[in-house]
Protein backbone atom coordinates (compact mmCIF):
# COMPACT_ATOMS: atom_id res chain seq x y z
CA MET A 1 22.04 2.91 20.49
CA ASP A 2 19.36 2.77 23.16
CA THR A 3 17.54 -0.39 24.16
CA SER A 4 14.43 0.41 22.22
CA ARG A 5 16.42 1.03 19.05
CA LEU A 6 18.20 -2.27 19.50
CA LEU A 7 14.89 -4.04 19.76
CA ARG A 8 13.86 -2.91 16.37
CA THR A 9 15.82 -4.74 13.92
CA THR A 10 14.22 -8.10 14.11
CA GLY A 11 10.69 -7.55 15.15
CA THR A 12 7.19 -7.78 13.85
CA VAL A 13 5.06 -4.78 13.39
CA ILE A 14 1.82 -5.46 15.12
CA ALA A 15 -1.35 -3.57 14.79
CA ALA A 16 -2.08 -2.57 18.29
CA ALA A 17 0.26 0.21 18.73
CA GLY A 18 -1.60 3.19 17.57
CA LEU A 19 -3.40 2.33 14.40
CA LEU A 20 -0.46 0.31 13.38
CA LEU A 21 -0.16 -1.71 10.41
CA SER A 22 1.42 -5.14 10.38
CA GLY A 23 4.70 -6.84 10.15
CA CYS A 24 7.94 -7.62 11.98
CA THR A 25 11.41 -6.15 12.65
CA SER A 26 14.19 -5.41 15.17
CA ASP A 27 17.85 -4.66 15.80
CA GLY A 28 18.99 -8.06 16.75
CA SER A 29 16.61 -9.02 19.45
CA GLY A 30 13.36 -8.15 17.93
CA GLY A 31 11.66 -5.13 19.16
CA PRO A 32 9.67 -2.08 18.41
CA ARG A 33 8.80 -2.70 14.89
CA ALA A 34 5.83 -4.74 15.46
CA ALA A 35 2.89 -3.11 14.07
CA ALA A 36 -0.19 -5.15 13.89
CA SER A 37 -2.20 -4.75 10.84
CA SER A 38 -5.36 -5.35 9.11
CA SER A 39 -3.60 -7.40 6.57
CA GLY A 40 -2.11 -9.69 9.12
CA GLY A 41 1.36 -9.60 7.76
CA ALA A 42 1.39 -12.86 5.85
CA ALA A 43 2.42 -12.54 2.26
CA LEU A 44 2.02 -15.51 0.05
CA PRO A 45 3.09 -16.03 -3.48
CA ALA A 46 0.23 -16.50 -5.85
CA ALA A 47 2.54 -16.42 -8.86
CA PRO A 48 4.27 -19.50 -10.29
CA ALA A 49 7.94 -20.13 -9.64
CA VAL A 50 10.40 -18.62 -12.08
CA PRO A 51 11.92 -21.34 -14.26
CA ALA A 52 15.48 -22.51 -13.68
CA ALA A 53 16.70 -20.56 -16.70
CA VAL A 54 16.45 -16.79 -16.41
CA PRO A 55 13.82 -15.43 -18.82
CA ALA A 56 15.23 -13.37 -21.65
CA ALA A 57 13.39 -10.25 -20.51
CA LEU A 58 15.19 -10.42 -17.13
CA ARG A 59 18.64 -11.36 -18.39
CA LEU A 60 20.03 -7.83 -18.40
CA TYR A 61 18.90 -7.37 -14.82
CA TYR A 62 20.50 -10.63 -13.72
CA GLU A 63 23.74 -9.79 -15.50
CA GLN A 64 24.13 -6.24 -14.22
CA LYS A 65 27.31 -5.30 -12.36
CA LEU A 66 27.11 -3.58 -9.01
CA ASN A 67 29.21 -0.44 -8.63
CA TRP A 68 30.39 -0.68 -5.03
CA ARG A 69 31.23 2.60 -3.30
CA ASP A 70 31.96 3.83 0.19
CA CYS A 71 28.85 4.01 2.41
CA GLY A 72 30.11 6.63 4.79
CA VAL A 73 30.15 3.92 7.47
CA PRO A 74 33.61 2.45 8.07
CA GLY A 75 33.97 -1.09 6.75
CA PHE A 76 30.84 -1.07 4.58
CA GLN A 77 30.27 -0.66 0.87
CA CYS A 78 27.04 0.32 -0.88
CA ALA A 79 25.59 -0.13 -4.35
CA THR A 80 22.33 0.26 -6.24
CA MET A 81 20.70 -2.64 -8.07
CA LYS A 82 18.07 -2.11 -10.75
CA ALA A 83 14.95 -4.30 -10.73
CA PRO A 84 11.84 -4.17 -12.92
CA LEU A 85 8.98 -2.24 -11.40
CA ASP A 86 6.55 -4.87 -12.70
CA TYR A 87 7.80 -8.42 -13.13
CA ALA A 88 4.83 -9.16 -15.37
CA HIS A 89 6.10 -6.52 -17.83
CA PRO A 90 9.88 -6.22 -17.39
CA GLU A 91 10.18 -4.98 -20.96
CA SER A 92 8.36 -1.76 -20.04
CA GLY A 93 11.64 -0.13 -19.04
CA GLN A 94 10.26 1.03 -15.70
CA ASP A 95 12.64 0.17 -12.86
CA VAL A 96 12.95 0.47 -9.12
CA ASP A 97 16.22 1.11 -7.33
CA ILE A 98 17.21 -1.49 -4.75
CA ALA A 99 19.81 -0.22 -2.28
CA VAL A 100 22.38 -2.86 -1.27
CA ALA A 101 25.18 -2.87 1.30
CA ARG A 102 27.89 -5.31 2.28
CA ARG A 103 30.80 -5.86 4.62
CA GLN A 104 33.32 -8.19 3.06
CA ALA A 105 34.48 -11.31 4.83
CA THR A 106 37.15 -10.51 7.36
CA GLY A 107 38.95 -13.88 7.29
CA PRO A 108 40.76 -16.02 8.11
CA GLY A 109 39.29 -19.18 6.68
CA LYS A 110 37.68 -20.11 3.41
CA ARG A 111 35.23 -17.55 2.06
CA LEU A 112 31.77 -19.12 1.83
CA GLY A 113 30.12 -16.48 -0.32
CA SER A 114 27.46 -13.97 0.73
CA LEU A 115 25.15 -14.16 3.74
CA VAL A 116 22.07 -12.05 3.06
CA VAL A 117 20.21 -10.88 6.16
CA ASN A 118 16.78 -9.30 6.63
CA PRO A 119 15.50 -7.77 9.89
CA GLY A 120 11.77 -8.03 9.25
CA GLY A 121 9.00 -5.48 9.24
CA PRO A 122 7.86 -5.49 6.56
CA GLY A 123 9.45 -2.10 6.21
CA GLY A 124 12.63 -2.62 8.19
CA SER A 125 15.78 -1.28 6.58
CA GLY A 126 18.13 -4.14 5.85
CA ILE A 127 21.00 -1.71 5.36
CA GLY A 128 20.39 -0.06 8.71
CA TYR A 129 20.26 -3.49 10.34
CA LEU A 130 23.46 -4.59 8.64
CA GLN A 131 25.43 -1.50 9.59
CA ALA A 132 24.13 -1.24 13.15
CA TYR A 133 24.05 -4.89 14.10
CA ALA A 134 24.53 -7.83 11.73
CA GLY A 135 27.69 -6.62 10.01
CA ILE A 136 29.45 -6.02 13.31
CA GLY A 137 27.52 -8.13 15.83
CA TYR A 138 27.03 -11.51 14.17
CA PRO A 139 29.41 -14.19 15.50
CA ALA A 140 32.99 -13.50 14.39
CA PRO A 141 33.44 -16.91 12.67
CA VAL A 142 30.39 -16.18 10.50
CA ARG A 143 31.61 -12.70 9.58
CA ALA A 144 35.06 -14.12 8.87
CA GLN A 145 33.85 -16.47 6.16
CA TYR A 146 30.87 -14.65 4.68
CA ASP A 147 30.43 -11.30 3.02
CA MET A 148 27.63 -9.85 5.17
CA VAL A 149 25.02 -8.41 2.80
CA SER A 150 21.62 -6.79 3.09
CA PHE A 151 19.27 -4.62 1.09
CA ASP A 152 16.32 -2.34 1.61
CA PRO A 153 13.41 -4.18 -0.02
CA ARG A 154 11.47 -2.30 -2.67
CA GLY A 155 9.37 0.44 -1.11
CA VAL A 156 11.61 0.63 1.97
CA ASP A 157 13.88 3.49 3.03
CA ARG A 158 16.55 3.84 0.31
CA SER A 159 14.78 1.62 -2.26
CA SER A 160 12.10 3.63 -4.09
CA PRO A 161 10.39 4.26 -0.73
CA VAL A 162 6.66 4.39 -0.18
CA GLN A 163 5.59 7.74 1.29
CA CYS A 164 2.19 8.46 2.85
CA LEU A 165 1.97 11.18 5.51
CA THR A 166 4.02 14.18 6.59
CA GLY A 167 5.55 14.28 10.07
CA PRO A 168 2.73 16.39 11.58
CA GLU A 169 0.16 14.13 9.89
CA MET A 170 1.84 11.05 11.39
CA ASP A 171 1.87 12.72 14.81
CA LYS A 172 -1.89 13.11 14.52
CA PHE A 173 -2.36 9.59 13.18
CA THR A 174 -0.48 7.93 16.04
CA GLN A 175 -2.66 9.69 18.64
CA VAL A 176 -6.06 8.65 17.30
CA ASP A 177 -7.99 6.61 19.87
CA GLN A 178 -7.67 2.95 18.85
CA THR A 179 -10.31 1.72 21.31
CA PRO A 180 -13.33 3.80 20.28
CA ASP A 181 -15.95 4.24 22.97
CA ASN A 182 -18.65 5.94 20.90
CA ALA A 183 -19.78 6.67 17.36
CA ALA A 184 -17.69 9.83 17.09
CA GLU A 185 -14.48 8.00 18.04
CA ARG A 186 -15.29 5.17 15.62
CA ALA A 187 -15.76 7.69 12.82
CA GLU A 188 -12.48 9.40 13.70
CA LEU A 189 -10.65 6.07 13.58
CA VAL A 190 -12.10 5.12 10.20
CA THR A 191 -11.25 8.58 8.87
CA ALA A 192 -7.66 8.18 10.05
CA PHE A 193 -7.28 4.90 8.14
CA LYS A 194 -8.81 6.42 5.03
CA GLU A 195 -6.55 9.47 5.19
CA PHE A 196 -3.52 7.25 5.64
CA ALA A 197 -4.48 5.19 2.57
CA ASP A 198 -5.26 8.30 0.54
CA GLY A 199 -1.89 9.77 1.44
CA CYS A 200 -0.10 6.64 0.24
CA LYS A 201 -2.00 6.73 -3.04
CA ALA A 202 -1.28 10.41 -3.60
CA ARG A 203 2.44 10.19 -2.83
CA SER A 204 3.33 6.66 -3.99
CA GLN A 205 0.94 5.66 -6.75
CA ARG A 206 3.67 4.34 -9.06
CA VAL A 207 5.30 1.90 -6.65
CA LEU A 208 2.31 1.00 -4.47
CA PRO A 209 1.06 -1.95 -6.61
CA HIS A 210 4.57 -3.47 -6.78
CA VAL A 211 5.91 -3.92 -3.24
CA SER A 212 4.65 -7.44 -2.46
CA THR A 213 6.71 -10.08 -0.71
CA VAL A 214 6.75 -12.12 -3.92
CA GLU A 215 8.36 -9.24 -5.80
CA ALA A 216 10.87 -8.69 -2.99
CA ALA A 217 11.77 -12.39 -3.12
CA ARG A 218 12.38 -12.10 -6.87
CA ASP A 219 14.59 -9.10 -6.23
CA MET A 220 16.50 -11.22 -3.73
CA ASP A 221 17.17 -13.86 -6.36
CA MET A 222 18.47 -11.20 -8.68
CA LEU A 223 20.71 -9.98 -5.86
CA ARG A 224 22.00 -13.52 -5.35
CA ALA A 225 22.97 -13.63 -9.00
CA VAL A 226 24.69 -10.25 -9.18
CA LEU A 227 26.63 -11.11 -6.01
CA GLY A 228 27.98 -14.14 -7.88
CA ASP A 229 26.42 -16.79 -5.61
CA GLU A 230 24.97 -19.98 -7.08
CA LYS A 231 22.79 -20.52 -4.01
CA LEU A 232 21.23 -18.10 -1.54
CA THR A 233 22.48 -18.23 2.05
CA TYR A 234 20.12 -16.20 4.19
CA VAL A 235 19.08 -15.35 7.74
CA GLY A 236 15.66 -13.73 8.01
CA ALA A 237 14.04 -12.57 11.24
CA SER A 238 10.33 -12.16 11.90
CA TYR A 239 8.74 -10.97 8.62
CA GLY A 240 12.08 -11.88 7.08
CA THR A 241 11.07 -15.51 7.60
CA LEU A 242 8.10 -15.00 5.30
CA LEU A 243 10.38 -13.40 2.72
CA GLY A 244 12.80 -16.32 3.01
CA ALA A 245 10.08 -18.97 2.83
CA THR A 246 8.57 -17.22 -0.18
CA TYR A 247 11.99 -17.25 -1.86
CA ALA A 248 12.30 -20.98 -1.18
CA GLU A 249 8.86 -21.59 -2.66
CA LEU A 250 9.73 -19.67 -5.82
CA PHE A 251 13.33 -20.89 -6.20
CA PRO A 252 13.78 -24.18 -4.31
CA GLY A 253 16.71 -25.16 -6.51
CA ARG A 254 18.59 -21.99 -5.58
CA VAL A 255 18.25 -22.42 -1.82
CA GLY A 256 21.51 -22.75 0.09
CA ARG A 257 21.47 -22.43 3.87
CA LEU A 258 18.33 -20.66 5.09
CA VAL A 259 17.62 -19.69 8.71
CA LEU A 260 14.11 -18.42 9.43
CA ASP A 261 14.11 -16.99 12.98
CA GLY A 262 10.90 -15.89 14.69
CA ALA A 263 8.88 -17.58 12.00
CA MET A 264 5.56 -16.53 10.53
CA ASP A 265 2.90 -18.96 9.35
CA PRO A 266 2.06 -18.15 5.71
CA SER A 267 -1.07 -20.30 5.80
CA ARG A 268 -2.80 -18.04 8.35
CA PRO A 269 -5.24 -15.50 6.88
CA ALA A 270 -5.04 -11.92 8.11
CA LEU A 271 -7.76 -12.15 10.75
CA GLU A 272 -6.32 -15.27 12.34
CA MET A 273 -2.79 -13.93 12.21
CA ASN A 274 -3.72 -10.68 13.93
CA ARG A 275 -5.64 -12.55 16.61
CA ASP A 276 -2.72 -14.95 17.14
CA GLN A 277 -0.37 -11.99 17.49
CA THR A 278 -2.73 -10.43 20.01
CA GLY A 279 -2.41 -13.58 22.10
CA GLY A 280 1.36 -13.44 21.70
CA PHE A 281 1.54 -10.00 23.23
CA GLU A 282 -0.69 -11.11 26.07
CA THR A 283 1.77 -13.96 26.74
CA ALA A 284 4.66 -11.49 26.74
CA LEU A 285 2.74 -9.15 29.04
CA ARG A 286 2.15 -11.96 31.54
CA SER A 287 5.86 -12.77 31.53
CA PHE A 288 6.66 -9.11 32.14
CA ALA A 289 4.00 -8.88 34.86
CA LYS A 290 5.32 -11.96 36.64
CA ASP A 291 8.81 -10.50 36.65
CA CYS A 292 7.64 -6.99 37.53
CA ALA A 293 5.86 -8.21 40.66
CA LYS A 294 9.21 -9.48 41.95
CA GLN A 295 10.98 -6.15 41.48
CA SER A 296 11.16 -3.41 44.11
CA ASP A 297 10.54 -0.74 41.47
CA CYS A 298 7.45 -2.31 39.87
CA PRO A 299 4.87 0.47 39.46
CA LEU A 300 2.07 -2.07 38.97
CA GLY A 301 2.36 -3.55 42.44
CA LYS A 302 2.57 -7.12 43.64
CA GLY A 303 0.34 -10.12 43.15
CA SER A 304 -0.47 -12.48 40.34
CA PRO A 305 0.38 -11.68 36.70
CA GLU A 306 -3.37 -11.22 36.13
CA ALA A 307 -3.56 -8.62 38.91
CA VAL A 308 -0.52 -6.76 37.58
CA ALA A 309 -1.96 -6.80 34.04
CA ASP A 310 -5.29 -5.49 35.38
CA ARG A 311 -3.47 -2.49 36.88
CA LEU A 312 -1.81 -1.79 33.54
CA GLN A 313 -5.21 -1.87 31.87
CA GLU A 314 -6.52 0.57 34.48
CA PHE A 315 -3.58 2.88 33.69
CA PHE A 316 -4.54 2.79 30.01
CA ARG A 317 -8.11 3.73 30.92
CA LYS A 318 -6.87 6.71 32.94
CA VAL A 319 -4.68 8.13 30.18
CA ASP A 320 -7.50 7.54 27.70
CA ALA A 321 -9.70 9.81 29.79
CA GLN A 322 -6.92 12.24 30.75
CA PRO A 323 -3.59 12.17 28.87
CA VAL A 324 -0.49 13.09 30.88
CA PRO A 325 2.22 15.56 29.83
CA SER A 326 5.06 14.09 27.80
CA GLY A 327 7.39 17.03 27.31
CA ASP A 328 5.85 17.67 23.88
CA PRO A 329 2.75 19.88 24.24
CA ALA A 330 1.40 18.68 20.90
CA ARG A 331 1.69 15.02 21.90
CA PRO A 332 0.50 14.30 25.43
CA LEU A 333 0.62 10.65 26.42
CA GLY A 334 -2.82 9.21 25.72
CA GLU A 335 -3.90 5.59 25.51
CA SER A 336 -2.69 5.00 21.96
CA LEU A 337 0.86 6.25 22.48
CA ALA A 338 1.06 4.60 25.91
CA THR A 339 -0.02 1.25 24.46
CA THR A 340 2.52 1.57 21.67
CA GLY A 341 5.28 2.29 24.16
CA VAL A 342 4.44 -0.77 26.24
CA ILE A 343 4.24 -3.04 23.20
CA ALA A 344 7.59 -1.74 21.98
CA ALA A 345 9.27 -2.82 25.22
CA LEU A 346 7.63 -6.25 25.24
CA TYR A 347 9.71 -7.35 22.26
CA ASP A 348 12.73 -8.04 24.43
CA GLU A 349 13.02 -8.79 28.13
CA SER A 350 16.15 -6.63 28.30
CA ALA A 351 13.81 -3.64 27.93
CA TRP A 352 11.70 -4.58 30.95
CA PRO A 353 13.65 -2.33 33.39
CA GLN A 354 13.20 0.56 30.96
CA LEU A 355 9.48 -0.20 30.79
CA ARG A 356 9.15 -0.23 34.59
CA GLU A 357 10.90 3.13 34.76
CA ALA A 358 8.74 4.63 32.00
CA LEU A 359 5.51 3.36 33.58
CA THR A 360 6.54 4.69 37.01
CA ALA A 361 7.17 8.12 35.53
CA ALA A 362 3.92 8.12 33.54
CA MET A 363 1.89 7.14 36.60
CA ASN A 364 3.44 10.15 38.32
CA GLY A 365 2.58 12.57 35.55
CA ASP A 366 5.59 12.32 33.23
CA GLY A 367 4.83 10.47 29.99
CA SER A 368 8.16 11.20 28.27
CA GLY A 369 9.59 7.71 28.80
CA LEU A 370 6.67 5.88 27.23
CA LEU A 371 6.52 8.48 24.45
CA GLY A 372 10.19 7.78 23.73
CA LEU A 373 9.47 4.07 23.42
CA ALA A 374 6.54 4.79 21.12
CA ASP A 375 8.68 7.10 18.98
CA SER A 376 11.29 4.37 18.66
CA TYR A 377 8.63 1.95 17.56
CA TYR A 378 7.41 4.36 14.90
CA GLU A 379 10.95 5.44 13.94
CA ARG A 380 10.20 9.07 14.70
CA GLU A 381 13.24 11.30 14.95
CA PRO A 382 13.61 14.15 17.47
CA ASP A 383 13.01 16.66 14.67
CA GLY A 384 9.57 15.18 14.01
CA LYS A 385 10.47 13.30 10.85
CA TYR A 386 9.44 9.67 10.48
CA ALA A 387 11.23 6.90 8.63
CA ASN A 388 9.03 5.18 6.10
CA LEU A 389 8.73 1.98 8.16
CA MET A 390 5.00 2.29 8.80
CA PHE A 391 4.25 3.33 5.24
CA ALA A 392 6.10 0.40 3.72
CA ASN A 393 4.67 -1.90 6.37
CA ALA A 394 1.11 -1.11 5.35
CA ALA A 395 1.89 -1.19 1.65
CA VAL A 396 3.41 -4.68 1.77
CA ASN A 397 0.88 -6.20 4.12
CA CYS A 398 -2.14 -4.79 2.32
CA LEU A 399 -0.83 -6.16 -0.97
CA ASP A 400 0.10 -9.57 0.42
CA GLN A 401 -3.33 -10.52 1.76
CA PRO A 402 -6.95 -9.40 1.56
CA PRO A 403 -7.98 -7.25 4.53
CA ALA A 404 -8.91 -8.86 7.82
CA PHE A 405 -12.22 -6.97 8.02
CA ALA A 406 -14.73 -5.60 5.54
CA GLY A 407 -15.66 -2.74 7.86
CA PRO A 408 -16.29 -1.61 11.44
CA GLU A 409 -19.23 -3.99 11.89
CA ALA A 410 -16.92 -6.94 11.27
CA VAL A 411 -14.59 -5.63 13.96
CA ASP A 412 -17.51 -5.48 16.38
CA ALA A 413 -18.25 -9.15 15.70
CA ALA A 414 -14.62 -10.16 16.27
CA LEU A 415 -14.00 -8.08 19.41
CA PRO A 416 -14.94 -10.84 21.88
CA SER A 417 -12.40 -13.25 20.39
CA PHE A 418 -9.65 -10.59 20.41
CA GLU A 419 -10.44 -9.59 23.98
CA LYS A 420 -10.35 -13.25 24.98
CA ALA A 421 -6.90 -13.52 23.40
CA SER A 422 -5.79 -10.42 25.34
CA PRO A 423 -7.96 -8.54 27.83
CA VAL A 424 -5.40 -5.73 27.80
CA PHE A 425 -4.53 -5.38 24.11
CA GLY A 426 -7.42 -7.15 22.36
CA ALA A 427 -9.69 -4.24 21.54
CA GLY A 428 -6.89 -2.03 20.23
CA LEU A 429 -5.40 -4.75 18.08
CA ALA A 430 -8.79 -5.69 16.67
CA TRP A 431 -9.48 -2.12 15.57
CA ALA A 432 -5.93 -1.74 14.24
CA SER A 433 -6.69 -4.70 11.97
CA LEU A 434 -9.02 -2.43 10.01
CA ASN A 435 -6.16 -0.60 8.31
CA CYS A 436 -6.11 -2.46 4.99
CA THR A 437 -9.89 -2.22 4.56
CA TYR A 438 -9.55 1.13 2.79
CA TRP A 439 -6.36 0.41 0.88
CA PRO A 440 -6.26 1.86 -2.66
CA VAL A 441 -4.63 -1.21 -4.26
CA LYS A 442 -6.28 -4.61 -4.32
CA ALA A 443 -4.33 -7.43 -2.68
CA THR A 444 -2.41 -9.68 -5.06
CA GLY A 445 -1.50 -12.42 -2.57
CA GLU A 446 -3.35 -14.78 -0.29
CA ALA A 447 -2.72 -17.03 2.68
CA ARG A 448 -1.48 -20.49 1.75
CA ALA A 449 1.01 -23.05 2.93
CA LEU A 450 4.53 -22.94 1.49
CA THR A 451 6.31 -26.23 0.90
CA ALA A 452 9.47 -25.33 -1.09
CA LYS A 453 9.54 -28.85 -2.47
CA GLY A 454 13.04 -29.86 -3.51
CA ALA A 455 14.89 -27.40 -1.26
CA PRO A 456 17.66 -28.61 1.08
CA PRO A 457 17.11 -28.45 4.87
CA ILE A 458 15.73 -25.09 6.03
CA VAL A 459 16.13 -24.22 9.72
CA VAL A 460 13.00 -22.69 11.29
CA VAL A 461 13.52 -21.12 14.71
CA GLY A 462 10.73 -20.47 17.22
CA THR A 463 10.78 -18.84 20.66
CA VAL A 464 8.25 -20.31 23.08
CA ARG A 465 7.08 -16.96 24.52
CA ASP A 466 7.65 -14.78 21.47
CA PRO A 467 5.23 -11.82 21.57
CA ALA A 468 5.16 -10.92 17.88
CA THR A 469 5.47 -14.28 16.14
CA PRO A 470 3.82 -16.89 18.37
CA TYR A 471 5.66 -20.17 18.71
CA LYS A 472 2.92 -22.12 17.00
CA TRP A 473 3.73 -20.24 13.80
CA ALA A 474 7.25 -21.65 13.77
CA GLN A 475 5.85 -25.12 14.38
CA ALA A 476 3.45 -24.66 11.48
CA LEU A 477 6.05 -23.34 9.03
CA ALA A 478 8.53 -26.10 9.86
CA GLN A 479 5.81 -28.64 9.20
CA GLN A 480 4.70 -27.03 5.94
CA LEU A 481 8.17 -26.88 4.43
CA ASP A 482 9.12 -30.23 2.94
CA SER A 483 12.64 -29.84 4.33
CA GLY A 484 11.81 -27.76 7.41
CA VAL A 485 13.83 -28.38 10.58
CA LEU A 486 12.39 -26.91 13.81
CA LEU A 487 14.78 -25.40 16.36
CA THR A 488 13.11 -24.23 19.60
CA TYR A 489 14.23 -21.61 22.11
CA ASP A 490 12.44 -21.94 25.46
CA GLY A 491 12.61 -18.29 26.37
CA ASP A 492 11.05 -14.82 26.19
CA GLY A 493 11.34 -12.11 23.58
CA HIS A 494 11.21 -11.90 19.82
CA THR A 495 13.54 -14.20 17.83
CA ALA A 496 16.37 -16.32 19.23
CA TYR A 497 19.65 -16.05 17.31
CA GLY A 498 22.17 -13.80 19.03
CA ARG A 499 20.03 -13.31 22.14
CA GLY A 500 22.22 -15.13 24.62
CA SER A 501 21.49 -18.83 24.15
CA SER A 502 24.76 -20.57 23.32
CA CYS A 503 22.73 -23.64 22.36
CA ILE A 504 20.79 -21.71 19.70
CA ASP A 505 23.84 -19.82 18.45
CA THR A 506 25.98 -22.93 18.19
CA ALA A 507 23.30 -24.79 16.24
CA ILE A 508 22.85 -21.94 13.77
CA ASN A 509 26.56 -21.21 13.43
CA THR A 510 27.26 -24.88 12.71
CA TYR A 511 24.58 -24.87 10.03
CA LEU A 512 25.84 -21.66 8.40
CA LEU A 513 29.53 -22.61 8.51
CA GLN A 514 29.42 -26.36 7.94
CA GLY A 515 26.03 -26.95 6.34
CA THR A 516 24.94 -29.36 9.08
CA ALA A 517 21.37 -28.63 10.20
CA PRO A 518 20.37 -29.29 13.82
CA GLN A 519 18.24 -32.31 14.58
CA ASP A 520 14.60 -31.60 13.84
CA GLY A 521 12.85 -30.78 17.12
CA LYS A 522 16.01 -29.71 18.98
CA LYS A 523 15.20 -27.58 22.04
CA CYS A 524 17.40 -24.96 23.70
CA SER A 525 17.14 -22.66 26.68
């Protein structure tokens, strides 16, 4: 698995990267899944909590038995769980399939039940994350005592997936200029968003109104029940923190040990969230620039982080005017793909050497390295097929919150604030926030604080220089939750657990294995 793939199972999909959409996901360290969006990525439950007793109409779902089978991946088992398409009308008989996977506790020691993990997105495959990272890479004592479990949320990958564009259509979509310089480019950008939305409606009309974070959280409670667990033990990264916090809001009495790593702030409306995320990527860029200037192979030269960032911006201007060859004649490296490639690598400092190498090559006429990073971000395979990450990402985000902007004129008004947040990425991320404006399904959620009153201690983890989920979001979520406990990692990159801090890992392992939460406000490096 290459570095960019690894980055992607705990990230946050941010809008800048090429008309992107909005969310969070990564492979363990938090990378190229960030797609910024016009919906901002915050999904908040507008529906009331399900009562303690399971409603009669849902009883058959809660009492179903999973038929575990071989996954084709050694050590893992897979199953399919049925969930109602529409929780408001479960009696309709219309279902969605929820794909589930597990790796049973390896022992020794007392089995503690199931540990459900989610990599973020929205749109990240939980099963892919489990099989490639969590099920084999989580600390051995955790895997010894827990069955490691994950699922593809509704609309994602193996679970009644949302589909929108063909591979060639996505290739075209990812190349549209996201920093329009004239009326023709503005019109092309708006058309691209409309065609994307129309494609989702045409190919996914049945499931599109029913892929909200609230519905995914209800599916997760059903999964808890069919796994035989009285309480949910859960580690969610990036967008997975919103899913976990939403679960706690809906089912506070069923909360076990919850870790929310790389936290989102559910009280932030779409516009504010996208602007915050823009600032987060600027912070990450400055960290990269500071480090790059110290390296002998830095293609952006020496000097202050501001000077290095200015040279990157100048590179973007050059490829906007004249794309460079990438090895794929149909996809030369223009500004949109180049920006996506850079953002993908900013999720994790371990990708910085790869980014320096890719930038050096691109500045010398070979855009293949940055194109590879962009393809990883978009989950594009060498054969030109795309995973449904970006489709599900848009579908969830656009349902979870009203759009950030009513139209292009609103983007114009907000551009100065976005460009202040990030001179390099601001314009692109502002325009990317237009994606939900043309969505065919009206949002069912809204931004609001989540308190999860009555839940036991919930550990909220924030990384000080996190690009995709700014640290202040973790501070805000920990404060909103009645039982929130803030754990801080003073470092770079997206998320903290399993990224090399023994202080962070020990605190989380102790909580998961013994139930003892860290002291509120604990800081690690």
